[in-house]
All heavy atoms as atom14 arrays in JSON, in Angstrom:
{
  "sequence": "RIQAILRRRRIIKSVGGETLDFGDLVINPENREVKVKTQSITL",
  "atom14_mask": [
    [1, 1, 1, 1, 1, 1, 1, 1, 1, 1, 1, 0, 0, 0],
    [1, 1, 1, 1, 1, 1, 1, 1, 0, 0, 0, 0, 0, 0],
    [1, 1, 1, 1, 1, 1, 1, 1, 1, 0, 0, 0, 0, 0],
    [1, 1, 1, 1, 1, 0, 0, 0, 0, 0, 0, 0, 0, 0],
    [1, 1, 1, 1, 1, 1, 1, 1, 0, 0, 0, 0, 0, 0],
    [1, 1, 1, 1, 1, 1, 1, 1, 0, 0, 0, 0, 0, 0],
    [1, 1, 1, 1, 1, 1, 1, 1, 1, 1, 1, 0, 0, 0],
    [1, 1, 1, 1, 1, 1, 1, 1, 1, 1, 1, 0, 0, 0],
    [1, 1, 1, 1, 1, 1, 1, 1, 1, 1, 1, 0, 0, 0],
    [1, 1, 1, 1, 1, 1, 1, 1, 1, 1, 1, 0, 0, 0],
    [1, 1, 1, 1, 1, 1, 1, 1, 0, 0, 0, 0, 0, 0],
    [1, 1, 1, 1, 1, 1, 1, 1, 0, 0, 0, 0, 0, 0],
    [1, 1, 1, 1, 1, 1, 1, 1, 1, 0, 0, 0, 0, 0],
    [1, 1, 1, 1, 1, 1, 0, 0, 0, 0, 0, 0, 0, 0],
    [1, 1, 1, 1, 1, 1, 1, 0, 0, 0, 0, 0, 0, 0],
    [1, 1, 1, 1, 0, 0, 0, 0, 0, 0, 0, 0, 0, 0],
    [1, 1, 1, 1, 0, 0, 0, 0, 0, 0, 0, 0, 0, 0],
    [1, 1, 1, 1, 1, 1, 1, 1, 1, 0, 0, 0, 0, 0],
    [1, 1, 1, 1, 1, 1, 1, 0, 0, 0, 0, 0, 0, 0],
    [1, 1, 1, 1, 1, 1, 1, 1, 0, 0, 0, 0, 0, 0],
    [1, 1, 1, 1, 1, 1, 1, 1, 0, 0, 0, 0, 0, 0],
    [1, 1, 1, 1, 1, 1, 1, 1, 1, 1, 1, 0, 0, 0],
    [1, 1, 1, 1, 0, 0, 0, 0, 0, 0, 0, 0, 0, 0],
    [1, 1, 1, 1, 1, 1, 1, 1, 0, 0, 0, 0, 0, 0],
    [1, 1, 1, 1, 1, 1, 1, 1, 0, 0, 0, 0, 0, 0],
    [1, 1, 1, 1, 1, 1, 1, 0, 0, 0, 0, 0, 0, 0],
    [1, 1, 1, 1, 1, 1, 1, 1, 0, 0, 0, 0, 0, 0],
    [1, 1, 1, 1, 1, 1, 1, 1, 0, 0, 0, 0, 0, 0],
    [1, 1, 1, 1, 1, 1, 1, 0, 0, 0, 0, 0, 0, 0],
    [1, 1, 1, 1, 1, 1, 1, 1, 1, 0, 0, 0, 0, 0],
    [1, 1, 1, 1, 1, 1, 1, 1, 0, 0, 0, 0, 0, 0],
    [1, 1, 1, 1, 1, 1, 1, 1, 1, 1, 1, 0, 0, 0],
    [1, 1, 1, 1, 1, 1, 1, 1, 1, 0, 0, 0, 0, 0],
    [1, 1, 1, 1, 1, 1, 1, 0, 0, 0, 0, 0, 0, 0],
    [1, 1, 1, 1, 1, 1, 1, 1, 1, 0, 0, 0, 0, 0],
    [1, 1, 1, 1, 1, 1, 1, 0, 0, 0, 0, 0, 0, 0],
    [1, 1, 1, 1, 1, 1, 1, 1, 1, 0, 0, 0, 0, 0],
    [1, 1, 1, 1, 1, 1, 1, 0, 0, 0, 0, 0, 0, 0],
    [1, 1, 1, 1, 1, 1, 1, 1, 1, 0, 0, 0, 0, 0],
    [1, 1, 1, 1, 1, 1, 0, 0, 0, 0, 0, 0, 0, 0],
    [1, 1, 1, 1, 1, 1, 1, 1, 0, 0, 0, 0, 0, 0],
    [1, 1, 1, 1, 1, 1, 1, 0, 0, 0, 0, 0, 0, 0],
    [1, 1, 1, 1, 1, 1, 1, 1, 0, 0, 0, 0, 0, 0]
  ],
  "atom14_positions": [
    [[-9.25, 1.68, 18.25], [-9.27, 1.56, 16.77], [-9.5, 3.03, 16.28], [-9.13, 3.36, 15.18], [-10.33, 0.46, 16.38], [-9.96, -0.93, 16.61], [-11.0, -1.9, 16.27], [-10.57, -3.3, 16.6], [-10.02, -4.03, 15.58], [-9.67, -3.54, 14.38], [-9.63, -5.26, 15.97], [0.0, 0.0, 0.0], [0.0, 0.0, 0.0], [0.0, 0.0, 0.0]],
    [[-10.35, 3.66, 16.92], [-10.61, 5.05, 16.45], [-9.31, 5.92, 16.49], [-9.08, 6.69, 15.57], [-11.71, 5.72, 17.42], [-13.12, 5.14, 17.1], [-11.83, 7.29, 17.19], [-14.14, 5.51, 18.2], [0.0, 0.0, 0.0], [0.0, 0.0, 0.0], [0.0, 0.0, 0.0], [0.0, 0.0, 0.0], [0.0, 0.0, 0.0], [0.0, 0.0, 0.0]],
    [[-8.6, 5.87, 17.61], [-7.43, 6.54, 17.67], [-6.41, 6.11, 16.62], [-5.7, 7.05, 15.97], [-6.71, 6.36, 18.98], [-7.57, 6.94, 20.18], [-6.98, 6.62, 21.6], [-6.11, 5.57, 21.73], [-7.32, 7.37, 22.62], [0.0, 0.0, 0.0], [0.0, 0.0, 0.0], [0.0, 0.0, 0.0], [0.0, 0.0, 0.0], [0.0, 0.0, 0.0]],
    [[-6.25, 4.85, 16.29], [-5.43, 4.35, 15.28], [-5.8, 4.85, 13.9], [-4.99, 5.32, 13.1], [-5.41, 2.83, 15.31], [0.0, 0.0, 0.0], [0.0, 0.0, 0.0], [0.0, 0.0, 0.0], [0.0, 0.0, 0.0], [0.0, 0.0, 0.0], [0.0, 0.0, 0.0], [0.0, 0.0, 0.0], [0.0, 0.0, 0.0], [0.0, 0.0, 0.0]],
    [[-7.13, 4.84, 13.66], [-7.52, 5.43, 12.33], [-7.31, 6.94, 12.21], [-6.83, 7.37, 11.25], [-9.09, 5.22, 12.15], [-9.43, 3.67, 12.0], [-9.62, 5.96, 10.96], [-10.84, 3.43, 12.11], [0.0, 0.0, 0.0], [0.0, 0.0, 0.0], [0.0, 0.0, 0.0], [0.0, 0.0, 0.0], [0.0, 0.0, 0.0], [0.0, 0.0, 0.0]],
    [[-7.6, 7.67, 13.19], [-7.42, 9.15, 13.08], [-5.93, 9.55, 13.15], [-5.57, 10.64, 12.56], [-8.14, 9.9, 14.3], [-9.72, 9.68, 14.33], [-10.2, 10.37, 15.6], [-10.29, 10.3, 13.1], [0.0, 0.0, 0.0], [0.0, 0.0, 0.0], [0.0, 0.0, 0.0], [0.0, 0.0, 0.0], [0.0, 0.0, 0.0], [0.0, 0.0, 0.0]],
    [[-5.07, 8.72, 13.64], [-3.67, 8.93, 13.64], [-3.06, 8.94, 12.27], [-2.17, 9.64, 11.97], [-2.95, 7.83, 14.58], [-1.52, 8.28, 14.79], [-0.8, 7.09, 15.7], [-1.68, 6.9, 16.87], [-2.06, 5.69, 17.29], [-1.88, 4.66, 16.45], [-2.83, 5.55, 18.47], [0.0, 0.0, 0.0], [0.0, 0.0, 0.0], [0.0, 0.0, 0.0]],
    [[-3.71, 8.13, 11.4], [-3.18, 7.99, 10.05], [-3.15, 9.39, 9.36], [-2.23, 9.75, 8.63], [-4.03, 7.05, 9.19], [-3.76, 5.59, 9.56], [-3.99, 4.74, 8.32], [-5.03, 5.25, 7.46], [-6.27, 4.86, 7.44], [-6.66, 4.02, 8.39], [-7.19, 5.41, 6.64], [0.0, 0.0, 0.0], [0.0, 0.0, 0.0], [0.0, 0.0, 0.0]],
    [[-4.28, 10.09, 9.59], [-4.37, 11.52, 8.91], [-3.15, 12.39, 9.37], [-2.58, 13.13, 8.59], [-5.69, 12.04, 9.11], [-5.91, 13.45, 8.43], [-7.27, 13.9, 8.51], [-8.04, 13.05, 7.7], [-9.49, 13.01, 7.78], [-10.1, 13.94, 8.56], [-10.15, 12.41, 6.96], [0.0, 0.0, 0.0], [0.0, 0.0, 0.0], [0.0, 0.0, 0.0]],
    [[-2.91, 12.33, 10.68], [-1.91, 13.28, 11.22], [-0.47, 12.81, 10.7], [0.36, 13.69, 10.29], [-1.84, 13.15, 12.7], [-3.12, 13.75, 13.38], [-2.91, 14.02, 14.87], [-2.65, 12.77, 15.54], [-3.65, 12.1, 16.13], [-4.99, 12.59, 15.95], [-3.49, 11.04, 16.81], [0.0, 0.0, 0.0], [0.0, 0.0, 0.0], [0.0, 0.0, 0.0]],
    [[-0.29, 11.44, 10.47], [0.93, 10.99, 9.92], [1.23, 11.46, 8.58], [2.18, 11.88, 8.07], [1.08, 9.44, 10.11], [1.14, 9.04, 11.5], [2.24, 8.9, 9.24], [0.99, 7.6, 11.79], [0.0, 0.0, 0.0], [0.0, 0.0, 0.0], [0.0, 0.0, 0.0], [0.0, 0.0, 0.0], [0.0, 0.0, 0.0], [0.0, 0.0, 0.0]],
    [[0.14, 11.38, 7.62], [0.14, 11.69, 6.31], [0.37, 13.22, 6.18], [1.39, 13.6, 5.37], [-1.12, 11.29, 5.55], [-1.23, 9.79, 5.45], [-1.08, 11.92, 4.08], [-0.16, 9.0, 4.79], [0.0, 0.0, 0.0], [0.0, 0.0, 0.0], [0.0, 0.0, 0.0], [0.0, 0.0, 0.0], [0.0, 0.0, 0.0], [0.0, 0.0, 0.0]],
    [[-0.21, 13.92, 6.92], [-0.05, 15.44, 6.85], [1.23, 15.88, 7.37], [1.89, 16.95, 6.93], [-1.09, 16.16, 7.61], [-2.51, 16.14, 6.95], [-3.53, 16.94, 7.51], [-4.88, 16.92, 6.8], [-5.97, 17.78, 7.39], [0.0, 0.0, 0.0], [0.0, 0.0, 0.0], [0.0, 0.0, 0.0], [0.0, 0.0, 0.0], [0.0, 0.0, 0.0]],
    [[1.92, 15.07, 8.34], [3.12, 15.54, 8.87], [4.36, 15.19, 7.94], [5.37, 15.63, 8.24], [3.31, 14.6, 10.29], [3.61, 13.28, 10.06], [0.0, 0.0, 0.0], [0.0, 0.0, 0.0], [0.0, 0.0, 0.0], [0.0, 0.0, 0.0], [0.0, 0.0, 0.0], [0.0, 0.0, 0.0], [0.0, 0.0, 0.0], [0.0, 0.0, 0.0]],
    [[4.0, 14.65, 6.93], [5.22, 14.26, 5.9], [5.71, 15.56, 5.31], [6.86, 15.72, 4.94], [4.62, 13.43, 4.75], [5.65, 13.26, 3.79], [4.34, 11.94, 5.45], [0.0, 0.0, 0.0], [0.0, 0.0, 0.0], [0.0, 0.0, 0.0], [0.0, 0.0, 0.0], [0.0, 0.0, 0.0], [0.0, 0.0, 0.0], [0.0, 0.0, 0.0]],
    [[4.94, 16.65, 5.28], [5.36, 17.92, 4.82], [4.57, 18.58, 3.78], [4.85, 19.58, 3.44], [0.0, 0.0, 0.0], [0.0, 0.0, 0.0], [0.0, 0.0, 0.0], [0.0, 0.0, 0.0], [0.0, 0.0, 0.0], [0.0, 0.0, 0.0], [0.0, 0.0, 0.0], [0.0, 0.0, 0.0], [0.0, 0.0, 0.0], [0.0, 0.0, 0.0]],
    [[3.42, 17.81, 3.35], [2.63, 18.38, 2.42], [3.17, 18.42, 0.92], [2.74, 19.21, 0.12], [0.0, 0.0, 0.0], [0.0, 0.0, 0.0], [0.0, 0.0, 0.0], [0.0, 0.0, 0.0], [0.0, 0.0, 0.0], [0.0, 0.0, 0.0], [0.0, 0.0, 0.0], [0.0, 0.0, 0.0], [0.0, 0.0, 0.0], [0.0, 0.0, 0.0]],
    [[4.27, 17.69, 0.73], [4.83, 17.7, -0.66], [4.09, 17.11, -1.73], [3.79, 15.92, -1.52], [6.33, 17.09, -0.47], [6.95, 17.01, -1.92], [8.3, 16.38, -1.8], [8.8, 15.92, -0.65], [9.07, 16.3, -2.84], [0.0, 0.0, 0.0], [0.0, 0.0, 0.0], [0.0, 0.0, 0.0], [0.0, 0.0, 0.0], [0.0, 0.0, 0.0]],
    [[3.76, 17.71, -2.81], [3.09, 17.11, -3.91], [3.95, 16.18, -4.68], [5.24, 16.56, -4.94], [2.5, 18.21, -4.82], [1.55, 18.91, -4.14], [1.73, 17.58, -6.09], [0.0, 0.0, 0.0], [0.0, 0.0, 0.0], [0.0, 0.0, 0.0], [0.0, 0.0, 0.0], [0.0, 0.0, 0.0], [0.0, 0.0, 0.0], [0.0, 0.0, 0.0]],
    [[3.51, 14.94, -4.91], [4.36, 14.05, -5.64], [3.83, 14.01, -7.07], [2.73, 13.82, -7.4], [4.17, 12.75, -4.96], [4.52, 12.6, -3.61], [4.2, 11.11, -2.94], [5.92, 12.99, -3.19], [0.0, 0.0, 0.0], [0.0, 0.0, 0.0], [0.0, 0.0, 0.0], [0.0, 0.0, 0.0], [0.0, 0.0, 0.0], [0.0, 0.0, 0.0]],
    [[4.79, 14.32, -7.99], [4.43, 14.51, -9.46], [5.16, 13.34, -10.2], [6.47, 13.41, -10.29], [4.84, 15.92, -9.95], [4.35, 16.12, -11.32], [4.05, 15.21, -12.03], [4.04, 17.38, -11.73], [0.0, 0.0, 0.0], [0.0, 0.0, 0.0], [0.0, 0.0, 0.0], [0.0, 0.0, 0.0], [0.0, 0.0, 0.0], [0.0, 0.0, 0.0]],
    [[4.5, 12.47, -10.82], [5.13, 11.47, -11.68], [4.74, 11.54, -12.99], [4.52, 10.61, -13.74], [4.75, 9.99, -11.1], [5.13, 9.86, -9.62], [4.15, 9.95, -8.62], [6.41, 9.65, -9.23], [4.45, 9.87, -7.31], [6.77, 9.46, -7.93], [5.86, 9.58, -6.92], [0.0, 0.0, 0.0], [0.0, 0.0, 0.0], [0.0, 0.0, 0.0]],
    [[4.47, 12.73, -13.54], [4.02, 12.94, -14.97], [2.55, 12.77, -15.17], [1.69, 13.76, -14.93], [0.0, 0.0, 0.0], [0.0, 0.0, 0.0], [0.0, 0.0, 0.0], [0.0, 0.0, 0.0], [0.0, 0.0, 0.0], [0.0, 0.0, 0.0], [0.0, 0.0, 0.0], [0.0, 0.0, 0.0], [0.0, 0.0, 0.0], [0.0, 0.0, 0.0]],
    [[2.11, 11.57, -15.46], [0.75, 11.25, -15.61], [0.02, 11.09, -14.3], [-1.24, 11.22, -14.35], [0.6, 9.93, -16.47], [1.11, 8.78, -15.84], [2.31, 8.86, -15.3], [0.42, 7.81, -15.73], [0.0, 0.0, 0.0], [0.0, 0.0, 0.0], [0.0, 0.0, 0.0], [0.0, 0.0, 0.0], [0.0, 0.0, 0.0], [0.0, 0.0, 0.0]],
    [[0.7, 10.94, -13.21], [0.1, 10.84, -11.9], [0.59, 11.89, -10.86], [1.78, 11.97, -10.71], [0.42, 9.39, -11.34], [-0.04, 9.16, -9.88], [-1.56, 9.06, -9.86], [0.51, 7.71, -9.48], [0.0, 0.0, 0.0], [0.0, 0.0, 0.0], [0.0, 0.0, 0.0], [0.0, 0.0, 0.0], [0.0, 0.0, 0.0], [0.0, 0.0, 0.0]],
    [[-0.38, 12.56, -10.38], [0.02, 13.61, -9.39], [-0.79, 13.31, -8.05], [-2.0, 13.25, -8.03], [-0.27, 15.05, -9.94], [0.1, 16.12, -8.89], [0.48, 15.24, -11.24], [0.0, 0.0, 0.0], [0.0, 0.0, 0.0], [0.0, 0.0, 0.0], [0.0, 0.0, 0.0], [0.0, 0.0, 0.0], [0.0, 0.0, 0.0], [0.0, 0.0, 0.0]],
    [[-0.01, 13.43, -6.91], [-0.68, 13.07, -5.61], [-0.41, 14.32, -4.71], [0.78, 14.63, -4.43], [-0.04, 11.84, -5.04], [0.02, 10.66, -6.02], [-0.66, 11.49, -3.77], [0.65, 9.52, -5.55], [0.0, 0.0, 0.0], [0.0, 0.0, 0.0], [0.0, 0.0, 0.0], [0.0, 0.0, 0.0], [0.0, 0.0, 0.0], [0.0, 0.0, 0.0]],
    [[-1.41, 15.05, -4.3], [-1.4, 16.19, -3.51], [-1.82, 15.84, -2.15], [-3.04, 15.85, -1.94], [-2.18, 17.35, -4.14], [-1.95, 18.6, -3.4], [-1.61, 18.69, -2.16], [-2.28, 19.77, -4.16], [0.0, 0.0, 0.0], [0.0, 0.0, 0.0], [0.0, 0.0, 0.0], [0.0, 0.0, 0.0], [0.0, 0.0, 0.0], [0.0, 0.0, 0.0]],
    [[-0.93, 15.78, -1.01], [-1.45, 15.54, 0.22], [-2.16, 16.66, 1.07], [-2.94, 16.4, 1.89], [-0.16, 15.15, 0.94], [0.84, 15.92, 0.23], [0.44, 15.96, -1.18], [0.0, 0.0, 0.0], [0.0, 0.0, 0.0], [0.0, 0.0, 0.0], [0.0, 0.0, 0.0], [0.0, 0.0, 0.0], [0.0, 0.0, 0.0], [0.0, 0.0, 0.0]],
    [[-1.96, 17.94, 0.55], [-2.64, 19.04, 1.06], [-4.12, 18.97, 0.96], [-4.79, 19.13, 2.03], [-2.1, 20.27, 0.54], [-2.55, 21.64, 1.28], [-2.0, 21.62, 2.74], [-0.9, 21.11, 2.91], [-2.72, 22.25, 3.5], [0.0, 0.0, 0.0], [0.0, 0.0, 0.0], [0.0, 0.0, 0.0], [0.0, 0.0, 0.0], [0.0, 0.0, 0.0]],
    [[-4.56, 18.71, -0.19], [-6.08, 18.64, -0.39], [-6.53, 17.15, -0.65], [-7.56, 16.85, -1.02], [-6.44, 19.46, -1.53], [-5.8, 19.13, -2.91], [-5.17, 18.2, -3.08], [-5.87, 20.08, -3.77], [0.0, 0.0, 0.0], [0.0, 0.0, 0.0], [0.0, 0.0, 0.0], [0.0, 0.0, 0.0], [0.0, 0.0, 0.0], [0.0, 0.0, 0.0]],
    [[-5.38, 16.23, -0.51], [-5.73, 14.83, -0.64], [-6.33, 14.52, -2.15], [-7.33, 13.76, -2.11], [-6.49, 14.2, 0.5], [-5.9, 14.39, 1.9], [-6.74, 14.01, 3.03], [-7.05, 12.58, 3.06], [-6.24, 11.67, 3.52], [-4.98, 11.99, 4.02], [-6.53, 10.43, 3.62], [0.0, 0.0, 0.0], [0.0, 0.0, 0.0], [0.0, 0.0, 0.0]],
    [[-5.8, 15.1, -3.0], [-6.38, 14.82, -4.43], [-5.3, 14.09, -5.27], [-4.02, 14.27, -5.12], [-6.55, 16.27, -5.02], [-7.09, 16.25, -6.44], [-7.3, 17.59, -7.07], [-6.36, 18.44, -7.05], [-8.37, 17.88, -7.5], [0.0, 0.0, 0.0], [0.0, 0.0, 0.0], [0.0, 0.0, 0.0], [0.0, 0.0, 0.0], [0.0, 0.0, 0.0]],
    [[-5.87, 13.25, -6.08], [-5.04, 12.5, -7.0], [-5.57, 12.82, -8.36], [-6.82, 12.7, -8.64], [-5.11, 10.98, -6.68], [-4.37, 10.2, -7.75], [-4.51, 10.62, -5.31], [0.0, 0.0, 0.0], [0.0, 0.0, 0.0], [0.0, 0.0, 0.0], [0.0, 0.0, 0.0], [0.0, 0.0, 0.0], [0.0, 0.0, 0.0], [0.0, 0.0, 0.0]],
    [[-4.69, 12.94, -9.32], [-4.9, 13.15, -10.67], [-4.12, 12.32, -11.63], [-2.94, 12.11, -11.34], [-4.66, 14.69, -11.05], [-5.6, 15.73, -10.5], [-5.25, 17.11, -10.98], [-6.31, 18.06, -10.37], [-6.09, 19.51, -10.97], [0.0, 0.0, 0.0], [0.0, 0.0, 0.0], [0.0, 0.0, 0.0], [0.0, 0.0, 0.0], [0.0, 0.0, 0.0]],
    [[-4.9, 11.78, -12.6], [-4.28, 10.99, -13.7], [-4.56, 11.67, -15.02], [-5.68, 11.79, -15.29], [-4.82, 9.55, -13.65], [-4.37, 8.73, -14.79], [-4.63, 8.75, -12.33], [0.0, 0.0, 0.0], [0.0, 0.0, 0.0], [0.0, 0.0, 0.0], [0.0, 0.0, 0.0], [0.0, 0.0, 0.0], [0.0, 0.0, 0.0], [0.0, 0.0, 0.0]],
    [[-3.46, 12.12, -15.57], [-3.51, 12.85, -16.82], [-4.49, 14.06, -16.63], [-5.45, 14.22, -17.41], [-3.95, 12.09, -17.95], [-2.86, 11.14, -18.48], [-3.21, 10.45, -19.87], [-2.02, 9.69, -20.44], [-0.95, 10.65, -20.79], [0.0, 0.0, 0.0], [0.0, 0.0, 0.0], [0.0, 0.0, 0.0], [0.0, 0.0, 0.0], [0.0, 0.0, 0.0]],
    [[-4.28, 14.8, -15.5], [-5.12, 16.01, -15.15], [-6.49, 15.76, -14.73], [-7.21, 16.62, -14.33], [-5.17, 17.14, -16.31], [-5.95, 16.55, -17.3], [-3.7, 17.38, -16.8], [0.0, 0.0, 0.0], [0.0, 0.0, 0.0], [0.0, 0.0, 0.0], [0.0, 0.0, 0.0], [0.0, 0.0, 0.0], [0.0, 0.0, 0.0], [0.0, 0.0, 0.0]],
    [[-6.94, 14.46, -14.87], [-8.31, 14.12, -14.42], [-8.3, 13.61, -12.95], [-7.55, 12.85, -12.51], [-8.89, 13.01, -15.21], [-10.21, 12.55, -14.76], [-10.83, 11.4, -15.67], [-10.15, 11.03, -16.65], [-12.05, 10.95, -15.35], [0.0, 0.0, 0.0], [0.0, 0.0, 0.0], [0.0, 0.0, 0.0], [0.0, 0.0, 0.0], [0.0, 0.0, 0.0]],
    [[-9.19, 14.25, -12.11], [-9.18, 13.87, -10.63], [-9.81, 12.55, -10.45], [-10.74, 12.21, -11.11], [-10.16, 14.96, -9.89], [-9.53, 16.35, -9.94], [0.0, 0.0, 0.0], [0.0, 0.0, 0.0], [0.0, 0.0, 0.0], [0.0, 0.0, 0.0], [0.0, 0.0, 0.0], [0.0, 0.0, 0.0], [0.0, 0.0, 0.0], [0.0, 0.0, 0.0]],
    [[-9.19, 11.78, -9.6], [-9.59, 10.45, -9.3], [-9.98, 10.32, -7.91], [-9.37, 10.97, -6.97], [-8.36, 9.43, -9.46], [-7.83, 9.53, -10.92], [-8.79, 8.11, -9.27], [-8.78, 9.18, -11.96], [0.0, 0.0, 0.0], [0.0, 0.0, 0.0], [0.0, 0.0, 0.0], [0.0, 0.0, 0.0], [0.0, 0.0, 0.0], [0.0, 0.0, 0.0]],
    [[-11.2, 9.74, -7.67], [-11.72, 9.6, -6.29], [-11.16, 8.4, -5.6], [-11.38, 7.19, -5.99], [-13.28, 9.54, -6.32], [-13.81, 10.85, -6.94], [-13.8, 9.4, -4.95], [0.0, 0.0, 0.0], [0.0, 0.0, 0.0], [0.0, 0.0, 0.0], [0.0, 0.0, 0.0], [0.0, 0.0, 0.0], [0.0, 0.0, 0.0], [0.0, 0.0, 0.0]],
    [[-10.39, 8.55, -4.52], [-9.85, 7.5, -3.72], [-10.58, 7.58, -2.32], [-10.9, 8.71, -1.81], [-8.36, 7.62, -3.53], [-7.48, 7.4, -4.86], [-6.09, 7.47, -4.49], [-7.76, 6.13, -5.61], [0.0, 0.0, 0.0], [0.0, 0.0, 0.0], [0.0, 0.0, 0.0], [0.0, 0.0, 0.0], [0.0, 0.0, 0.0], [0.0, 0.0, 0.0]]
  ]
}
């Protein structure tokens, strides 16, 4: 279970680090930050 959990982070980072911008919602995998209307959201 530990290996399965830690593997998720490697999979997400291996996507390429591309920031996803949907206007009001921005998802940055490099620093794992999510912003809604420029406000940082804690996930």
